Amino acid sequence: MKILLLSDTHSHIDDFIIKYVKQADEVWHAGDIGDLKVTDQIAAIKPLRAVWGNIDDDKARMQFPEHNRFKCEGMDVWITHIGGYPGRYNQRVRPEIYNNPPDLFICGHSHILKVINDKKINCLHINPGAIGIHGFHKKRTMLRFEINEGKISNLELIEKDR
């Protein structure tokens, strides 16, 4: 399964993003969607899994959950917008992540790309950074990877100058 992982679009969608959407089997959005035209365009092309973020309005919050936990190719995946980082998980997720850790924990919010192996709970933490044009980030980033039989491979950074 080829996954395109993005976050923090803040209402921005362009041909650069769409090019990679078309190459994926599924697209995962880790929140701060902004205008739902973003997710509508993505979902018209490929299957989409998404969560709402702190900037998202009631329409987004009715369409998408705050937390999206699911299995993909044998991997337990949890996506939320504000999740924190290994050793500094957000208090809203902390009890669950320690009591029932996923294989892959994905969040957005910080606009900072991070891929960290949390060895304490045997969980891979990923934040794809921000692919939108609003925020302090200098590079727009998203990730793509493959999941096969519970393992991630071919993790690739996709970046573009703002």
Protein backbone atom coordinates (compact mmCIF):
# COMPACT_ATOMS: atom_id res chain seq x y z
CA MET A 1 0.00 0.00 0.00
CA LYS A 2 1.52 3.31 -1.12
CA ILE A 3 0.69 6.12 1.30
CA LEU A 4 0.98 9.87 0.83
CA LEU A 5 1.07 11.57 4.24
CA LEU A 6 0.45 15.28 4.55
CA SER A 7 -0.69 17.82 7.10
CA ASP A 8 -1.37 21.48 7.66
CA THR A 9 -2.65 22.39 4.21
CA HIS A 10 -4.43 25.45 5.69
CA SER A 11 -6.82 25.58 2.68
CA HIS A 12 -4.00 25.22 0.12
CA ILE A 13 -4.10 22.61 -2.65
CA ASP A 14 -2.10 22.85 -5.85
CA ASP A 15 -0.79 20.78 -8.77
CA PHE A 16 2.34 19.88 -6.79
CA ILE A 17 0.24 18.11 -4.14
CA ILE A 18 -2.15 16.59 -6.68
CA LYS A 19 0.75 15.07 -8.64
CA TYR A 20 1.70 12.99 -5.60
CA VAL A 21 -1.90 12.23 -4.66
CA LYS A 22 -2.28 10.52 -8.04
CA GLN A 23 0.74 8.29 -7.34
CA ALA A 24 -0.56 7.01 -3.97
CA ASP A 25 -2.96 4.21 -3.10
CA GLU A 26 -4.27 6.20 -0.12
CA VAL A 27 -3.77 9.72 1.21
CA TRP A 28 -3.63 10.46 4.94
CA HIS A 29 -4.13 14.02 6.20
CA ALA A 30 -3.07 14.83 9.79
CA GLY A 31 -5.26 17.90 10.26
CA ASP A 32 -5.48 21.66 9.82
CA ILE A 33 -7.22 21.07 6.54
CA GLY A 34 -8.75 24.52 6.28
CA ASP A 35 -11.26 24.73 3.44
CA LEU A 36 -12.81 21.32 2.73
CA LYS A 37 -12.14 21.87 -0.98
CA VAL A 38 -8.70 20.43 -0.12
CA THR A 39 -10.03 17.09 1.11
CA ASP A 40 -12.81 17.06 -1.50
CA GLN A 41 -10.23 17.31 -4.29
CA ILE A 42 -8.04 14.61 -2.75
CA ALA A 43 -10.97 12.25 -2.09
CA ALA A 44 -12.15 12.66 -5.69
CA ILE A 45 -8.84 11.14 -6.81
CA LYS A 46 -7.81 8.62 -4.10
CA PRO A 47 -9.15 7.14 -0.85
CA LEU A 48 -8.58 9.59 2.01
CA ARG A 49 -8.21 9.20 5.77
CA ALA A 50 -8.08 12.45 7.71
CA VAL A 51 -8.52 14.11 11.09
CA TRP A 52 -9.49 17.65 11.99
CA GLY A 53 -7.01 20.10 13.43
CA ASN A 54 -7.21 23.11 15.69
CA ILE A 55 -7.91 25.57 12.84
CA ASP A 56 -10.67 23.44 11.31
CA ASP A 57 -14.28 24.56 11.56
CA ASP A 58 -17.46 22.68 12.47
CA LYS A 59 -17.87 21.36 8.91
CA ALA A 60 -14.48 19.63 9.05
CA ARG A 61 -15.15 18.40 12.58
CA MET A 62 -18.42 16.83 11.44
CA GLN A 63 -16.76 15.14 8.45
CA PHE A 64 -13.56 13.91 10.11
CA PRO A 65 -12.72 12.59 13.60
CA GLU A 66 -10.23 14.07 16.05
CA HIS A 67 -8.49 10.69 16.25
CA ASN A 68 -8.42 8.11 13.48
CA ARG A 69 -7.13 4.69 14.52
CA PHE A 70 -7.21 1.86 12.02
CA LYS A 71 -5.33 -1.14 10.62
CA CYS A 72 -3.51 -0.90 7.31
CA GLU A 73 -1.69 -3.87 5.84
CA GLY A 74 -1.26 -5.40 9.30
CA MET A 75 -0.09 -2.15 10.91
CA ASP A 76 -1.95 -0.41 13.77
CA VAL A 77 -2.05 3.29 12.80
CA TRP A 78 -3.23 6.25 14.87
CA ILE A 79 -3.56 9.72 13.32
CA THR A 80 -4.36 12.84 15.36
CA HIS A 81 -3.48 16.48 14.84
CA ILE A 82 -1.97 17.49 18.18
CA GLY A 83 -0.10 14.49 19.53
CA GLY A 84 3.23 15.69 20.82
CA TYR A 85 6.42 13.66 20.51
CA PRO A 86 8.08 10.67 22.18
CA GLY A 87 8.70 11.57 25.79
CA ARG A 88 6.44 14.62 25.41
CA TYR A 89 3.11 13.26 24.18
CA ASN A 90 0.10 15.53 24.51
CA GLN A 91 -1.90 14.91 27.68
CA ARG A 92 -5.01 14.01 25.62
CA VAL A 93 -3.23 11.03 24.03
CA ARG A 94 -0.66 10.15 26.69
CA PRO A 95 -2.65 7.51 28.66
CA GLU A 96 -3.80 5.67 25.54
CA ILE A 97 -0.47 5.74 23.74
CA TYR A 98 1.30 4.23 26.76
CA ASN A 99 -1.44 1.71 27.59
CA ASN A 100 -2.20 0.66 24.02
CA PRO A 101 0.55 1.92 21.69
CA PRO A 102 0.00 1.81 17.94
CA ASP A 103 2.71 0.65 15.55
CA LEU A 104 2.61 4.04 13.82
CA PHE A 105 1.61 7.33 15.48
CA ILE A 106 1.05 10.29 13.15
CA CYS A 107 0.39 13.91 14.04
CA GLY A 108 0.73 17.35 12.50
CA HIS A 109 0.36 20.80 14.08
CA SER A 110 4.01 21.82 14.61
CA HIS A 111 4.85 22.33 10.90
CA ILE A 112 8.10 20.52 11.75
CA LEU A 113 8.94 17.30 9.91
CA LYS A 114 9.96 14.53 12.31
CA VAL A 115 10.39 10.78 12.08
CA ILE A 116 11.25 9.28 15.47
CA ASN A 117 11.37 5.69 16.66
CA ASP A 118 9.94 5.62 20.19
CA LYS A 119 11.81 2.60 21.52
CA LYS A 120 10.05 2.76 24.91
CA ILE A 121 6.72 1.77 23.38
CA ASN A 122 7.96 0.25 20.10
CA CYS A 123 6.17 2.86 18.00
CA LEU A 124 7.23 4.91 14.98
CA HIS A 125 6.24 8.57 15.34
CA ILE A 126 5.83 10.64 12.18
CA ASN A 127 4.98 14.29 11.63
CA PRO A 128 5.04 15.15 7.91
CA GLY A 129 5.54 18.87 8.54
CA ALA A 130 3.33 21.31 6.61
CA ILE A 131 2.49 21.22 2.90
CA GLY A 132 0.45 24.44 2.97
CA ILE A 133 1.77 27.92 2.28
CA HIS A 134 0.76 29.51 5.61
CA GLY A 135 3.00 29.30 8.67
CA PHE A 136 6.63 29.81 9.65
CA HIS A 137 8.07 26.85 7.71
CA LYS A 138 10.46 27.65 4.87
CA LYS A 139 9.99 24.33 3.06
CA ARG A 140 6.66 22.69 2.30
CA THR A 141 6.94 19.01 3.18
CA MET A 142 5.02 15.76 2.97
CA LEU A 143 6.04 12.11 3.06
CA ARG A 144 5.32 9.00 1.13
CA PHE A 145 6.00 5.43 2.09
CA GLU A 146 4.80 1.90 1.59
CA ILE A 147 3.24 -0.44 4.14
CA ASN A 148 3.48 -4.16 3.50
CA GLU A 149 2.80 -6.91 6.03
CA GLY A 150 3.05 -4.51 8.98
CA LYS A 151 6.32 -2.91 7.90
CA ILE A 152 7.12 0.51 6.46
CA SER A 153 9.52 0.79 3.56
CA ASN A 154 10.63 3.34 0.97
CA LEU A 155 10.03 6.34 3.24
CA GLU A 156 10.59 9.42 1.12
CA LEU A 157 10.58 13.14 1.87
CA ILE A 158 8.84 15.36 -0.68
CA GLU A 159 9.65 19.04 -0.28
CA LYS A 160 9.20 22.30 -2.09
CA ASP A 161 10.27 25.85 -1.35
CA ARG A 162 7.49 28.18 -0.25
